[in-house]
Amino acid sequence: GAAGFIGMHVSERLLAAGHGVVGID
């Protein structure tokens, strides 16, 4: 749900912390 409302914000925060994110939707 990375293209969703909460999914986008969670992905953004994980990326800011230096993690890699594979988003699906």
PDB file of all heavy atoms in Angstrom:
ATOM      1  N   GLY A   1       0.807  -1.211   0.000  1.00  0.00           N
ATOM      2  CA  GLY A   1       0.000   0.000   0.000  1.00  0.00           C
ATOM      3  C   GLY A   1       0.841   1.262   0.000  1.00  0.00           C
ATOM      4  O   GLY A   1       0.454   2.293   0.543  1.00  0.00           O
ATOM      5  N   ALA A   2       2.013   1.209  -0.634  1.00  0.00           N
ATOM      6  CA  ALA A   2       2.959   2.331  -0.583  1.00  0.00           C
ATOM      7  C   ALA A   2       2.436   3.572  -1.291  1.00  0.00           C
ATOM      8  O   ALA A   2       2.893   4.683  -1.011  1.00  0.00           O
ATOM      9  CB  ALA A   2       4.299   1.917  -1.184  1.00  0.00           C
ATOM     10  N   ALA A   3       1.489   3.403  -2.221  1.00  0.00           N
ATOM     11  CA  ALA A   3       0.908   4.556  -2.899  1.00  0.00           C
ATOM     12  C   ALA A   3      -0.264   5.131  -2.133  1.00  0.00           C
ATOM     13  O   ALA A   3      -0.870   6.111  -2.566  1.00  0.00           O
ATOM     14  CB  ALA A   3       0.461   4.176  -4.312  1.00  0.00           C
ATOM     15  N   GLY A   4      -0.589   4.526  -0.997  1.00  0.00           N
ATOM     16  CA  GLY A   4      -1.686   5.013  -0.171  1.00  0.00           C
ATOM     17  C   GLY A   4      -1.253   6.137   0.749  1.00  0.00           C
ATOM     18  O   GLY A   4      -0.063   6.482   0.840  1.00  0.00           O
ATOM     19  N   PHE A   5      -2.204   6.711   1.423  1.00  0.00           N
ATOM     20  CA  PHE A   5      -1.973   7.840   2.312  1.00  0.00           C
ATOM     21  C   PHE A   5      -0.954   7.509   3.398  1.00  0.00           C
ATOM     22  O   PHE A   5       0.118   8.127   3.501  1.00  0.00           O
ATOM     23  CB  PHE A   5      -3.324   8.238   2.924  1.00  0.00           C
ATOM     24  CG  PHE A   5      -3.285   9.246   4.031  1.00  0.00           C
ATOM     25  CD1 PHE A   5      -2.387  10.307   4.024  1.00  0.00           C
ATOM     26  CD2 PHE A   5      -4.191   9.148   5.091  1.00  0.00           C
ATOM     27  CE1 PHE A   5      -2.378  11.253   5.045  1.00  0.00           C
ATOM     28  CE2 PHE A   5      -4.191  10.084   6.099  1.00  0.00           C
ATOM     29  CZ  PHE A   5      -3.283  11.140   6.088  1.00  0.00           C
ATOM     30  N   ILE A   6      -1.233   6.500   4.203  1.00  0.00           N
ATOM     31  CA  ILE A   6      -0.329   6.151   5.298  1.00  0.00           C
ATOM     32  C   ILE A   6       0.929   5.488   4.753  1.00  0.00           C
ATOM     33  O   ILE A   6       2.039   5.737   5.240  1.00  0.00           O
ATOM     34  CB  ILE A   6      -1.045   5.241   6.316  1.00  0.00           C
ATOM     35  CG1 ILE A   6      -2.271   5.951   6.888  1.00  0.00           C
ATOM     36  CG2 ILE A   6      -0.094   4.840   7.446  1.00  0.00           C
ATOM     37  CD1 ILE A   6      -3.130   5.090   7.790  1.00  0.00           C
ATOM     38  N   GLY A   7       0.779   4.675   3.702  1.00  0.00           N
ATOM     39  CA  GLY A   7       1.927   3.994   3.123  1.00  0.00           C
ATOM     40  C   GLY A   7       2.991   4.947   2.623  1.00  0.00           C
ATOM     41  O   GLY A   7       4.191   4.702   2.790  1.00  0.00           O
ATOM     42  N   MET A   8       2.573   6.041   1.993  1.00  0.00           N
ATOM     43  CA  MET A   8       3.546   7.021   1.512  1.00  0.00           C
ATOM     44  C   MET A   8       4.324   7.637   2.664  1.00  0.00           C
ATOM     45  O   MET A   8       5.554   7.763   2.619  1.00  0.00           O
ATOM     46  CB  MET A   8       2.852   8.127   0.723  1.00  0.00           C
ATOM     47  CG  MET A   8       3.809   9.108   0.066  1.00  0.00           C
ATOM     48  SD  MET A   8       3.148  10.766  -0.206  1.00  0.00           S
ATOM     49  CE  MET A   8       3.417  11.504   1.424  1.00  0.00           C
ATOM     50  N   HIS A   9       3.605   8.029   3.718  1.00  0.00           N
ATOM     51  CA  HIS A   9       4.258   8.702   4.843  1.00  0.00           C
ATOM     52  C   HIS A   9       5.181   7.749   5.605  1.00  0.00           C
ATOM     53  O   HIS A   9       6.274   8.145   6.043  1.00  0.00           O
ATOM     54  CB  HIS A   9       3.210   9.289   5.781  1.00  0.00           C
ATOM     55  CG  HIS A   9       2.583  10.549   5.261  1.00  0.00           C
ATOM     56  ND1 HIS A   9       3.145  11.793   5.462  1.00  0.00           N
ATOM     57  CD2 HIS A   9       1.460  10.761   4.544  1.00  0.00           C
ATOM     58  CE1 HIS A   9       2.385  12.722   4.902  1.00  0.00           C
ATOM     59  NE2 HIS A   9       1.356  12.122   4.330  1.00  0.00           N
ATOM     60  N   VAL A  10       4.768   6.494   5.775  1.00  0.00           N
ATOM     61  CA  VAL A  10       5.621   5.519   6.450  1.00  0.00           C
ATOM     62  C   VAL A  10       6.868   5.253   5.620  1.00  0.00           C
ATOM     63  O   VAL A  10       7.987   5.209   6.148  1.00  0.00           O
ATOM     64  CB  VAL A  10       4.841   4.216   6.723  1.00  0.00           C
ATOM     65  CG1 VAL A  10       5.794   3.089   7.153  1.00  0.00           C
ATOM     66  CG2 VAL A  10       3.782   4.441   7.792  1.00  0.00           C
ATOM     67  N   SER A  11       6.706   5.094   4.305  1.00  0.00           N
ATOM     68  CA  SER A  11       7.856   4.869   3.427  1.00  0.00           C
ATOM     69  C   SER A  11       8.818   6.044   3.502  1.00  0.00           C
ATOM     70  O   SER A  11      10.042   5.855   3.580  1.00  0.00           O
ATOM     71  CB  SER A  11       7.386   4.668   1.986  1.00  0.00           C
ATOM     72  OG  SER A  11       6.585   3.517   1.856  1.00  0.00           O
ATOM     73  N   GLU A  12       8.286   7.246   3.484  1.00  0.00           N
ATOM     74  CA  GLU A  12       9.117   8.444   3.559  1.00  0.00           C
ATOM     75  C   GLU A  12       9.935   8.473   4.843  1.00  0.00           C
ATOM     76  O   GLU A  12      11.134   8.797   4.841  1.00  0.00           O
ATOM     77  CB  GLU A  12       8.223   9.680   3.474  1.00  0.00           C
ATOM     78  CG  GLU A  12       8.951  11.002   3.404  1.00  0.00           C
ATOM     79  CD  GLU A  12       7.983  12.156   3.239  1.00  0.00           C
ATOM     80  OE1 GLU A  12       6.962  12.195   3.958  1.00  0.00           O
ATOM     81  OE2 GLU A  12       8.247  13.026   2.401  1.00  0.00           O
ATOM     82  N   ARG A  13       9.321   8.092   5.951  1.00  0.00           N
ATOM     83  CA  ARG A  13      10.032   8.097   7.240  1.00  0.00           C
ATOM     84  C   ARG A  13      11.095   7.006   7.285  1.00  0.00           C
ATOM     85  O   ARG A  13      12.186   7.208   7.817  1.00  0.00           O
ATOM     86  CB  ARG A  13       9.013   7.919   8.377  1.00  0.00           C
ATOM     87  CG  ARG A  13       9.574   8.201   9.759  1.00  0.00           C
ATOM     88  CD  ARG A  13       8.457   8.292  10.774  1.00  0.00           C
ATOM     89  NE  ARG A  13       7.663   9.486  10.593  1.00  0.00           N
ATOM     90  CZ  ARG A  13       7.904  10.654  11.171  1.00  0.00           C
ATOM     91  NH1 ARG A  13       8.927  10.774  11.993  1.00  0.00           N
ATOM     92  NH2 ARG A  13       7.121  11.694  10.962  1.00  0.00           N
ATOM     93  N   LEU A  14      10.800   5.839   6.738  1.00  0.00           N
ATOM     94  CA  LEU A  14      11.792   4.763   6.690  1.00  0.00           C
ATOM     95  C   LEU A  14      12.989   5.156   5.831  1.00  0.00           C
ATOM     96  O   LEU A  14      14.142   4.906   6.189  1.00  0.00           O
ATOM     97  CB  LEU A  14      11.152   3.487   6.148  1.00  0.00           C
ATOM     98  CG  LEU A  14      10.158   2.770   7.064  1.00  0.00           C
ATOM     99  CD1 LEU A  14       9.415   1.685   6.293  1.00  0.00           C
ATOM    100  CD2 LEU A  14      10.859   2.180   8.277  1.00  0.00           C
ATOM    101  N   LEU A  15      12.714   5.773   4.707  1.00  0.00           N
ATOM    102  CA  LEU A  15      13.794   6.213   3.818  1.00  0.00           C
ATOM    103  C   LEU A  15      14.661   7.271   4.495  1.00  0.00           C
ATOM    104  O   LEU A  15      15.891   7.254   4.373  1.00  0.00           O
ATOM    105  CB  LEU A  15      13.206   6.764   2.519  1.00  0.00           C
ATOM    106  CG  LEU A  15      12.537   5.740   1.601  1.00  0.00           C
ATOM    107  CD1 LEU A  15      11.712   6.442   0.532  1.00  0.00           C
ATOM    108  CD2 LEU A  15      13.569   4.821   0.958  1.00  0.00           C
ATOM    109  N   ALA A  16      14.014   8.182   5.223  1.00  0.00           N
ATOM    110  CA  ALA A  16      14.767   9.229   5.921  1.00  0.00           C
ATOM    111  C   ALA A  16      15.689   8.642   6.976  1.00  0.00           C
ATOM    112  O   ALA A  16      16.730   9.219   7.304  1.00  0.00           O
ATOM    113  CB  ALA A  16      13.801  10.228   6.557  1.00  0.00           C
ATOM    114  N   ALA A  17      15.317   7.468   7.511  1.00  0.00           N
ATOM    115  CA  ALA A  17      16.140   6.796   8.510  1.00  0.00           C
ATOM    116  C   ALA A  17      17.246   5.954   7.881  1.00  0.00           C
ATOM    117  O   ALA A  17      18.020   5.302   8.600  1.00  0.00           O
ATOM    118  CB  ALA A  17      15.266   5.919   9.406  1.00  0.00           C
ATOM    119  N   GLY A  18      17.321   5.929   6.545  1.00  0.00           N
ATOM    120  CA  GLY A  18      18.395   5.223   5.859  1.00  0.00           C
ATOM    121  C   GLY A  18      18.066   3.817   5.420  1.00  0.00           C
ATOM    122  O   GLY A  18      18.943   3.101   4.922  1.00  0.00           O
ATOM    123  N   HIS A  19      16.813   3.386   5.586  1.00  0.00           N
ATOM    124  CA  HIS A  19      16.423   2.038   5.177  1.00  0.00           C
ATOM    125  C   HIS A  19      16.123   1.994   3.684  1.00  0.00           C
ATOM    126  O   HIS A  19      15.826   3.012   3.060  1.00  0.00           O
ATOM    127  CB  HIS A  19      15.183   1.583   5.951  1.00  0.00           C
ATOM    128  CG  HIS A  19      15.389   1.518   7.441  1.00  0.00           C
ATOM    129  ND1 HIS A  19      16.279   0.649   8.022  1.00  0.00           N
ATOM    130  CD2 HIS A  19      14.831   2.232   8.448  1.00  0.00           C
ATOM    131  CE1 HIS A  19      16.251   0.825   9.343  1.00  0.00           C
ATOM    132  NE2 HIS A  19      15.392   1.784   9.617  1.00  0.00           N
ATOM    133  N   GLY A  20      16.167   0.798   3.127  1.00  0.00           N
ATOM    134  CA  GLY A  20      15.684   0.571   1.778  1.00  0.00           C
ATOM    135  C   GLY A  20      14.224   0.180   1.833  1.00  0.00           C
ATOM    136  O   GLY A  20      13.802  -0.560   2.732  1.00  0.00           O
ATOM    137  N   VAL A  21      13.430   0.663   0.892  1.00  0.00           N
ATOM    138  CA  VAL A  21      12.002   0.374   0.875  1.00  0.00           C
ATOM    139  C   VAL A  21      11.604  -0.139  -0.509  1.00  0.00           C
ATOM    140  O   VAL A  21      11.860   0.516  -1.519  1.00  0.00           O
ATOM    141  CB  VAL A  21      11.162   1.626   1.218  1.00  0.00           C
ATOM    142  CG1 VAL A  21       9.668   1.332   1.050  1.00  0.00           C
ATOM    143  CG2 VAL A  21      11.448   2.090   2.641  1.00  0.00           C
ATOM    144  N   VAL A  22      10.994  -1.311  -0.518  1.00  0.00           N
ATOM    145  CA  VAL A  22      10.326  -1.811  -1.711  1.00  0.00           C
ATOM    146  C   VAL A  22       8.837  -1.605  -1.481  1.00  0.00           C
ATOM    147  O   VAL A  22       8.244  -2.209  -0.577  1.00  0.00           O
ATOM    148  CB  VAL A  22      10.619  -3.301  -1.951  1.00  0.00           C
ATOM    149  CG1 VAL A  22       9.842  -3.803  -3.168  1.00  0.00           C
ATOM    150  CG2 VAL A  22      12.110  -3.525  -2.138  1.00  0.00           C
ATOM    151  N   GLY A  23       8.235  -0.718  -2.253  1.00  0.00           N
ATOM    152  CA  GLY A  23       6.821  -0.410  -2.104  1.00  0.00           C
ATOM    153  C   GLY A  23       6.004  -1.136  -3.147  1.00  0.00           C
ATOM    154  O   GLY A  23       6.402  -1.220  -4.316  1.00  0.00           O
ATOM    155  N   ILE A  24       4.869  -1.672  -2.731  1.00  0.00           N
ATOM    156  CA  ILE A  24       3.969  -2.311  -3.690  1.00  0.00           C
ATOM    157  C   ILE A  24       2.572  -1.720  -3.528  1.00  0.00           C
ATOM    158  O   ILE A  24       2.190  -1.264  -2.443  1.00  0.00           O
ATOM    159  CB  ILE A  24       3.938  -3.844  -3.554  1.00  0.00           C
ATOM    160  CG1 ILE A  24       3.268  -4.275  -2.244  1.00  0.00           C
ATOM    161  CG2 ILE A  24       5.334  -4.427  -3.655  1.00  0.00           C
ATOM    162  CD1 ILE A  24       2.970  -5.770  -2.192  1.00  0.00           C
ATOM    163  N   ASP A  25       1.827  -1.730  -4.613  1.00  0.00           N
ATOM    164  CA  ASP A  25       0.454  -1.229  -4.622  1.00  0.00           C
ATOM    165  C   ASP A  25      -0.177  -1.682  -5.930  1.00  0.00           C
ATOM    166  O   ASP A  25       0.528  -1.843  -6.936  1.00  0.00           O
ATOM    167  CB  ASP A  25       0.448   0.302  -4.539  1.00  0.00           C
ATOM    168  CG  ASP A  25      -0.845   0.863  -3.977  1.00  0.00           C
ATOM    169  OD1 ASP A  25      -1.897   0.753  -4.654  1.00  0.00           O
ATOM    170  OD2 ASP A  25      -0.812   1.414  -2.870  1.00  0.00           O
TER     171      ASP A  25
END
